[in-house]
Amino acid sequence: MKLAASMSRLGTESAFEVLARARALEAQGKKIIHLEIGEPDFDTPKYIRDAAVKALQEGWTHYGPSPGLPEFRKVIAEIWKAERGIPCDWENVVVTPGGKPIMFYLMLALLEPGDDVLLPNPAFPIYESVVDFIGARAVYLPLLEANEFDLDLRDFESKLSERTKLVILNTPQNPTGGVLKPETIEGIAALARKHDFMILSDEIYGRVLYEGKHLSIASLPGMADRTVVLDGFSKTYAMTGWRLGFGIMRKDLAVQLGRMQTNAVSCTASFTQRAGMAALTGPQDDALAMVEEFRRRRDVIVAGLNALPGISCLKPHGAFYVFPNITKTGLKSSELERLLMEQAGVACLAGTAFGTYGEGYLRFSYANSLENIKTALQNISDFLAVRAK
């Protein structure tokens, strides 16, 4: 079978490949501690599950409007307007089965082959995968440890051109756990007004923040019409398997993304949208407690990594990942990733899974128990001690 040439440009998420290798080792009897997958290890709160069951029993099992249930879109708009300061109403919201469709729909709707897309590196790999698939050109914005994984505005502006159609932002970030400074976000907004480009702002970790208040670029003057905010329920409410996300954007663009959804999947499951309404309007205690638990785990894993020879680690300000520097171990990222799984029983991801600027780093997800994190740190310590002999 001859596939379209564009399929050769479609990437993947290494996390799932590493998970598959880890499962294969587990099937052979090896114990693996999973620090590779970016998935909360908590169950979806009971009140949300109950809302889904109630919706099923009430018959919310039929087709719904392609952009999402109007009542759900209204709840999202009201909360994001109040909490994030984004000027929007229900017609600005498109509900999708997970957050990734917003990436796909937006880029398919905006980009032509040869257009430039500025995106962070290292970053969530699906950004570049979709850019390449469409035939646009990825232009990297390095996230450097020396800059606390913030963007450099001078470097940013130097890479803008008449071909720049879209800029992708992610804060808090995957994989670094970094958070863009307010002055950086304001500077990017000024450049967007000056150079007339659109922004995809991935804010999926916006509620997993340990200090300060999340700032959405869409809340800044004149930016709501230039920004598509991507968000969802997977991280905040431990709903990864529910596949429930949404985008907030200008109304004319929302109509077009609704058309994309009609052609792709028809609509998002109605009963999951009812559960999403319950998630947003119900008690937030579980979500807040989860973030506090992540904070405790963050402090333990950062201290533990910094105590290991050849490894140093900045303290992340958001999300649930650490991105330690491993250059002084003398090993490449992919090699250390493999050795830690095979010899230390710890699954993690090479920094290069997130781009070329990830060389010299590993990503660990601390969405696992404190007990497992401490065991993983001890296993890594033992592994490094054996190598040093």
Protein backbone atom coordinates (compact mmCIF):
# COMPACT_ATOMS: atom_id res chain seq x y z
CA MET A 1 0.00 0.00 0.00
CA LYS A 2 1.36 3.43 -0.96
CA LEU A 3 0.70 6.03 1.72
CA ALA A 4 0.49 9.75 1.14
CA ALA A 5 3.86 11.47 1.47
CA SER A 6 2.50 13.56 4.33
CA MET A 7 2.32 10.43 6.52
CA SER A 8 6.10 10.27 6.59
CA ARG A 9 6.07 13.67 8.28
CA LEU A 10 3.67 12.67 11.04
CA GLY A 11 5.41 12.19 14.38
CA THR A 12 4.36 10.54 17.62
CA GLU A 13 4.56 10.83 21.38
CA SER A 14 7.60 8.99 22.70
CA ALA A 15 5.90 8.60 26.07
CA PHE A 16 3.64 5.92 24.63
CA GLU A 17 6.55 4.14 22.97
CA VAL A 18 8.50 4.12 26.24
CA LEU A 19 5.40 2.92 28.06
CA ALA A 20 5.11 0.01 25.62
CA ARG A 21 8.75 -0.97 26.25
CA ALA A 22 8.20 -0.72 29.97
CA ARG A 23 5.12 -2.94 29.76
CA ALA A 24 7.12 -5.51 27.80
CA LEU A 25 9.75 -5.60 30.56
CA GLU A 26 7.03 -5.90 33.17
CA ALA A 27 5.59 -8.85 31.28
CA GLN A 28 9.00 -10.51 31.72
CA GLY A 29 8.77 -9.99 35.48
CA LYS A 30 10.81 -6.78 35.86
CA LYS A 31 9.46 -4.11 38.20
CA ILE A 32 9.24 -0.69 36.56
CA ILE A 33 8.40 2.62 38.21
CA HIS A 34 6.50 4.73 35.70
CA LEU A 35 7.69 8.32 35.58
CA GLU A 36 7.27 8.64 31.82
CA ILE A 37 3.54 9.28 31.33
CA GLY A 38 2.02 12.72 31.91
CA GLU A 39 -1.13 11.46 33.55
CA PRO A 40 -2.38 12.23 37.08
CA ASP A 41 -2.37 9.08 39.20
CA PHE A 42 -5.63 10.14 40.83
CA ASP A 43 -9.11 8.90 40.00
CA THR A 44 -11.59 11.32 38.50
CA PRO A 45 -13.46 12.86 41.47
CA LYS A 46 -16.61 10.96 42.39
CA TYR A 47 -19.01 13.85 41.83
CA ILE A 48 -17.85 14.03 38.19
CA ARG A 49 -18.23 10.29 37.68
CA ASP A 50 -21.68 10.46 39.26
CA ALA A 51 -22.65 13.25 36.87
CA ALA A 52 -21.61 11.10 33.92
CA VAL A 53 -23.67 8.15 35.17
CA LYS A 54 -26.65 10.44 35.70
CA ALA A 55 -26.25 11.84 32.18
CA LEU A 56 -26.18 8.33 30.72
CA GLN A 57 -29.30 7.37 32.64
CA GLU A 58 -31.04 10.54 31.48
CA GLY A 59 -30.30 9.70 27.84
CA TRP A 60 -27.40 12.03 27.01
CA THR A 61 -26.22 9.42 24.51
CA HIS A 62 -27.18 11.03 21.22
CA TYR A 63 -25.53 13.40 18.77
CA GLY A 64 -25.01 16.95 19.97
CA PRO A 65 -24.06 20.16 18.15
CA SER A 66 -20.62 19.91 16.54
CA PRO A 67 -19.10 22.81 18.52
CA GLY A 68 -20.45 21.43 21.80
CA LEU A 69 -23.56 21.72 23.95
CA PRO A 70 -24.52 25.44 24.24
CA GLU A 71 -25.05 25.17 28.00
CA PHE A 72 -21.58 23.67 28.45
CA ARG A 73 -19.97 26.27 26.21
CA LYS A 74 -21.69 28.97 28.28
CA VAL A 75 -20.29 27.59 31.55
CA ILE A 76 -16.76 27.46 30.08
CA ALA A 77 -17.01 31.02 28.76
CA GLU A 78 -18.34 32.41 32.04
CA ILE A 79 -15.60 30.77 34.12
CA TRP A 80 -12.71 31.61 31.80
CA LYS A 81 -13.96 35.19 31.54
CA ALA A 82 -14.18 35.52 35.32
CA GLU A 83 -11.00 33.62 36.26
CA ARG A 84 -8.69 34.38 33.33
CA GLY A 85 -10.07 37.71 32.18
CA ILE A 86 -10.61 36.44 28.63
CA PRO A 87 -13.41 38.40 26.91
CA CYS A 88 -15.66 35.65 25.53
CA ASP A 89 -19.13 34.17 25.46
CA TRP A 90 -20.44 30.74 24.54
CA GLU A 91 -20.05 31.32 20.79
CA ASN A 92 -16.29 31.72 21.28
CA VAL A 93 -15.98 28.15 22.62
CA VAL A 94 -15.54 24.91 20.67
CA VAL A 95 -15.65 21.66 22.66
CA THR A 96 -13.58 18.77 21.33
CA PRO A 97 -12.74 15.14 22.27
CA GLY A 98 -9.48 16.06 24.02
CA GLY A 99 -7.23 19.05 23.48
CA LYS A 100 -5.29 17.75 20.47
CA PRO A 101 -8.12 18.33 17.97
CA ILE A 102 -7.85 22.06 18.66
CA MET A 103 -4.22 21.90 17.48
CA PHE A 104 -5.12 19.92 14.38
CA TYR A 105 -8.23 21.90 13.45
CA LEU A 106 -6.58 25.27 13.94
CA MET A 107 -3.45 24.44 11.95
CA LEU A 108 -5.43 22.83 9.15
CA ALA A 109 -7.66 25.91 9.02
CA LEU A 110 -4.83 28.49 9.07
CA LEU A 111 -1.68 27.06 7.54
CA GLU A 112 -0.52 26.66 3.96
CA PRO A 113 2.62 24.74 2.95
CA GLY A 114 5.61 27.01 3.44
CA ASP A 115 4.09 29.09 6.26
CA ASP A 116 6.26 29.57 9.34
CA VAL A 117 5.15 28.45 12.79
CA LEU A 118 7.22 29.59 15.75
CA LEU A 119 7.15 27.02 18.53
CA PRO A 120 9.10 26.33 21.72
CA ASN A 121 11.84 23.72 21.80
CA PRO A 122 11.83 21.52 23.83
CA ALA A 123 8.05 21.19 23.69
CA PHE A 124 5.12 18.81 23.44
CA PRO A 125 6.04 16.88 20.26
CA ILE A 126 2.60 16.97 18.65
CA TYR A 127 3.00 20.69 17.89
CA GLU A 128 5.82 20.07 15.45
CA SER A 129 4.26 16.85 14.21
CA VAL A 130 1.15 18.65 12.97
CA VAL A 131 3.17 21.53 11.51
CA ASP A 132 5.30 19.06 9.54
CA PHE A 133 2.28 17.03 8.47
CA ILE A 134 0.66 20.09 6.92
CA GLY A 135 3.88 21.06 5.16
CA ALA A 136 4.49 24.26 7.09
CA ARG A 137 7.89 25.09 8.59
CA ALA A 138 8.70 24.83 12.29
CA VAL A 139 10.90 27.64 13.57
CA TYR A 140 12.33 26.92 17.01
CA LEU A 141 12.18 29.20 20.03
CA PRO A 142 14.75 27.73 22.44
CA LEU A 143 13.76 27.22 26.07
CA LEU A 144 17.08 27.37 27.88
CA GLU A 145 17.81 26.34 31.44
CA ALA A 146 20.01 29.45 31.84
CA ASN A 147 16.86 31.53 31.26
CA GLU A 148 14.71 29.35 33.57
CA PHE A 149 13.08 27.93 30.42
CA ASP A 150 11.56 31.30 29.57
CA LEU A 151 11.53 32.68 26.02
CA ASP A 152 14.04 35.30 24.89
CA LEU A 153 12.08 38.16 23.31
CA ARG A 154 15.01 39.37 21.20
CA ASP A 155 15.50 35.89 19.77
CA PHE A 156 11.73 35.64 19.28
CA GLU A 157 11.51 38.87 17.27
CA SER A 158 14.56 37.97 15.18
CA LYS A 159 12.76 34.87 13.91
CA LEU A 160 9.61 36.64 12.76
CA SER A 161 9.18 37.11 9.03
CA GLU A 162 6.48 37.78 6.47
CA ARG A 163 5.92 34.00 6.42
CA THR A 164 5.09 33.82 10.15
CA LYS A 165 1.47 32.73 10.39
CA LEU A 166 1.23 31.19 13.85
CA VAL A 167 3.08 31.16 17.19
CA ILE A 168 2.58 28.36 19.71
CA LEU A 169 2.92 29.10 23.41
CA ASN A 170 2.70 26.67 26.31
CA THR A 171 2.68 27.85 29.91
CA PRO A 172 3.03 26.12 32.32
CA GLN A 173 5.20 24.02 30.07
CA ASN A 174 5.56 20.40 29.15
CA PRO A 175 8.32 19.11 29.51
CA THR A 176 10.19 21.67 31.62
CA GLY A 177 7.59 22.73 34.18
CA GLY A 178 8.62 26.31 33.39
CA VAL A 179 6.24 29.26 33.39
CA LEU A 180 6.58 32.24 31.07
CA LYS A 181 7.12 35.49 32.96
CA PRO A 182 4.33 38.09 32.70
CA GLU A 183 6.69 40.53 30.98
CA THR A 184 7.50 37.85 28.39
CA ILE A 185 3.82 37.26 27.67
CA GLU A 186 3.20 41.00 27.42
CA GLY A 187 6.18 41.35 25.08
CA ILE A 188 4.87 38.60 22.80
CA ALA A 189 1.46 40.27 22.74
CA ALA A 190 3.09 43.53 21.62
CA LEU A 191 4.92 41.68 18.84
CA ALA A 192 1.68 39.99 17.73
CA ARG A 193 -0.03 43.36 17.39
CA LYS A 194 2.96 44.76 15.50
CA HIS A 195 3.57 41.83 13.15
CA ASP A 196 0.00 40.50 12.81
CA PHE A 197 0.27 36.77 13.61
CA MET A 198 -2.05 34.36 15.42
CA ILE A 199 -1.20 32.57 18.67
CA LEU A 200 -2.13 29.09 19.85
CA SER A 201 -1.85 29.30 23.63
CA ASP A 202 -1.77 25.82 25.18
CA GLU A 203 -2.94 26.39 28.76
CA ILE A 204 -3.80 22.80 29.66
CA TYR A 205 -1.67 23.08 32.85
CA GLY A 206 -3.01 26.53 33.76
CA ARG A 207 -4.54 25.27 36.99
CA VAL A 208 -1.50 23.20 37.97
CA LEU A 209 0.46 26.21 39.16
CA TYR A 210 2.48 26.46 42.38
CA GLU A 211 3.16 30.19 42.63
CA GLY A 212 1.32 33.27 41.45
CA LYS A 213 -1.67 33.49 39.13
CA HIS A 214 -1.91 32.13 35.62
CA LEU A 215 -1.76 34.82 32.94
CA SER A 216 -3.41 34.06 29.62
CA ILE A 217 -2.16 36.10 26.69
CA ALA A 218 -5.77 36.19 25.45
CA SER A 219 -6.66 38.41 28.43
CA LEU A 220 -4.33 41.21 27.31
CA PRO A 221 -5.68 44.19 25.32
CA GLY A 222 -6.45 43.33 21.71
CA MET A 223 -5.29 39.71 22.05
CA ALA A 224 -8.58 37.79 22.27
CA ASP A 225 -9.02 38.07 18.49
CA ARG A 226 -5.43 36.95 17.84
CA THR A 227 -5.37 33.99 20.23
CA VAL A 228 -6.80 30.50 20.38
CA VAL A 229 -6.67 29.20 23.94
CA LEU A 230 -6.40 25.42 24.23
CA ASP A 231 -7.54 23.90 27.52
CA GLY A 232 -9.28 20.83 28.87
CA PHE A 233 -10.08 18.53 31.74
CA SER A 234 -7.40 15.83 31.59
CA LYS A 235 -4.88 17.40 33.96
CA THR A 236 -6.96 19.46 36.40
CA TYR A 237 -9.63 16.83 37.02
CA ALA A 238 -7.69 13.62 36.29
CA MET A 239 -9.90 12.97 33.25
CA THR A 240 -7.31 11.84 30.69
CA GLY A 241 -9.40 8.94 29.41
CA TRP A 242 -12.58 10.98 29.11
CA ARG A 243 -11.19 12.92 26.11
CA LEU A 244 -12.67 16.31 26.84
CA GLY A 245 -11.07 19.57 25.76
CA PHE A 246 -11.98 22.90 24.26
CA GLY A 247 -10.71 26.00 22.54
CA ILE A 248 -11.61 29.66 23.06
CA MET A 249 -11.27 31.85 19.97
CA ARG A 250 -12.86 34.60 17.88
CA LYS A 251 -16.39 33.72 16.79
CA ASP A 252 -15.73 33.53 13.05
CA LEU A 253 -12.88 31.10 13.66
CA ALA A 254 -15.05 29.07 16.06
CA VAL A 255 -17.52 28.56 13.21
CA GLN A 256 -14.74 27.20 11.00
CA LEU A 257 -13.39 24.86 13.69
CA GLY A 258 -16.93 23.66 14.26
CA ARG A 259 -17.04 22.74 10.57
CA MET A 260 -13.75 20.88 10.98
CA GLN A 261 -15.25 18.92 13.85
CA THR A 262 -18.36 18.08 11.80
CA ASN A 263 -16.11 16.55 9.16
CA ALA A 264 -13.77 14.78 11.58
CA VAL A 265 -15.77 13.32 14.47
CA SER A 266 -19.25 14.90 14.25
CA CYS A 267 -19.30 15.95 17.90
CA THR A 268 -17.96 15.34 21.40
CA ALA A 269 -19.85 12.75 23.47
CA SER A 270 -22.75 14.48 25.19
CA PHE A 271 -22.54 12.64 28.49
CA THR A 272 -18.87 13.58 28.91
CA GLN A 273 -19.81 17.21 28.35
CA ARG A 274 -22.41 16.94 31.12
CA ALA A 275 -19.67 15.53 33.34
CA GLY A 276 -17.46 18.45 32.35
CA MET A 277 -20.18 20.89 33.40
CA ALA A 278 -20.30 19.19 36.78
CA ALA A 279 -16.49 19.35 37.05
CA LEU A 280 -16.46 23.12 36.54
CA THR A 281 -19.48 24.01 38.66
CA GLY A 282 -18.99 21.49 41.48
CA PRO A 283 -16.62 21.53 44.46
CA GLN A 284 -12.99 22.17 43.51
CA ASP A 285 -11.53 20.56 46.66
CA ASP A 286 -10.20 17.48 44.85
CA ALA A 287 -8.50 19.53 42.14
CA LEU A 288 -6.87 21.82 44.70
CA ALA A 289 -5.76 18.89 46.86
CA MET A 290 -4.20 17.22 43.82
CA VAL A 291 -2.10 20.32 43.08
CA GLU A 292 -0.94 20.43 46.70
CA GLU A 293 0.07 16.78 46.50
CA PHE A 294 1.96 17.51 43.28
CA ARG A 295 3.74 20.34 45.12
CA ARG A 296 4.91 17.92 47.82
CA ARG A 297 6.11 15.45 45.21
CA ARG A 298 7.85 18.19 43.26
CA ASP A 299 9.84 19.24 46.31
CA VAL A 300 10.89 15.64 47.02
CA ILE A 301 11.94 14.76 43.48
CA VAL A 302 13.82 18.05 42.92
CA ALA A 303 15.77 17.64 46.16
CA GLY A 304 16.46 13.99 45.36
CA LEU A 305 17.69 14.68 41.84
CA ASN A 306 19.94 17.51 42.97
CA ALA A 307 21.55 15.12 45.47
CA LEU A 308 22.59 12.73 42.68
CA PRO A 309 26.07 12.94 41.15
CA GLY A 310 26.14 14.50 37.70
CA ILE A 311 22.52 15.67 37.85
CA SER A 312 21.06 19.12 38.56
CA CYS A 313 17.44 20.19 38.45
CA LEU A 314 15.55 23.49 38.52
CA LYS A 315 12.37 23.62 40.59
CA PRO A 316 9.38 23.76 38.22
CA HIS A 317 6.69 26.39 38.78
CA GLY A 318 3.83 24.47 37.17
CA ALA A 319 2.63 21.20 35.56
CA PHE A 320 3.95 17.93 37.06
CA TYR A 321 7.28 17.41 35.34
CA VAL A 322 10.92 17.95 36.19
CA PHE A 323 13.55 18.41 33.50
CA PRO A 324 16.93 17.66 35.10
CA ASN A 325 20.25 18.39 33.42
CA ILE A 326 22.22 15.15 33.05
CA THR A 327 25.18 16.34 30.98
CA LYS A 328 27.71 15.74 33.77
CA THR A 329 26.85 12.03 33.79
CA GLY A 330 28.65 11.81 30.44
CA LEU A 331 25.67 10.07 28.86
CA LYS A 332 23.38 11.16 26.07
CA SER A 333 19.73 11.60 26.95
CA SER A 334 18.47 8.59 24.98
CA GLU A 335 21.20 6.34 26.37
CA LEU A 336 20.46 7.26 29.97
CA GLU A 337 16.73 6.85 29.37
CA ARG A 338 17.36 3.29 28.17
CA LEU A 339 19.77 2.38 30.96
CA LEU A 340 17.52 3.70 33.69
CA MET A 341 14.66 1.54 32.47
CA GLU A 342 16.70 -1.60 31.88
CA GLN A 343 19.05 -1.41 34.87
CA ALA A 344 17.32 0.83 37.43
CA GLY A 345 13.71 -0.06 36.68
CA VAL A 346 12.75 3.60 36.19
CA ALA A 347 10.87 4.70 33.06
CA CYS A 348 11.42 8.30 32.00
CA LEU A 349 11.79 10.22 28.74
CA ALA A 350 14.87 11.53 26.99
CA GLY A 351 14.79 15.28 26.60
CA THR A 352 15.24 14.78 22.86
CA ALA A 353 11.72 13.33 22.72
CA PHE A 354 10.69 16.99 22.97
CA GLY A 355 13.13 18.47 20.47
CA THR A 356 16.79 19.01 19.74
CA TYR A 357 17.21 21.47 22.61
CA GLY A 358 16.25 18.66 24.97
CA GLU A 359 19.60 16.93 24.57
CA GLY A 360 21.33 16.71 27.94
CA TYR A 361 18.06 16.43 29.85
CA LEU A 362 15.53 13.86 30.98
CA ARG A 363 11.86 14.36 31.76
CA PHE A 364 10.37 12.73 34.82
CA SER A 365 6.67 12.95 35.57
CA TYR A 366 5.97 13.11 39.28
CA ALA A 367 2.37 12.08 38.77
CA ASN A 368 3.15 9.00 40.86
CA SER A 369 3.14 8.27 44.57
CA LEU A 370 5.76 9.70 46.94
CA GLU A 371 6.73 6.14 47.81
CA ASN A 372 7.42 5.28 44.18
CA ILE A 373 9.26 8.56 43.59
CA LYS A 374 11.55 7.89 46.56
CA THR A 375 12.17 4.33 45.37
CA ALA A 376 12.96 5.61 41.87
CA LEU A 377 15.45 8.12 43.26
CA GLN A 378 17.17 5.39 45.27
CA ASN A 379 17.29 3.12 42.22
CA ILE A 380 18.86 5.89 40.14
CA SER A 381 21.36 6.59 42.92
CA ASP A 382 22.33 2.91 43.06
CA PHE A 383 22.67 2.76 39.28
CA LEU A 384 24.94 5.81 39.18
CA ALA A 385 27.05 4.45 42.04
CA VAL A 386 27.64 1.18 40.17
CA ARG A 387 28.62 3.07 37.00
CA ALA A 388 31.08 5.21 38.96
CA LYS A 389 33.06 2.14 40.14
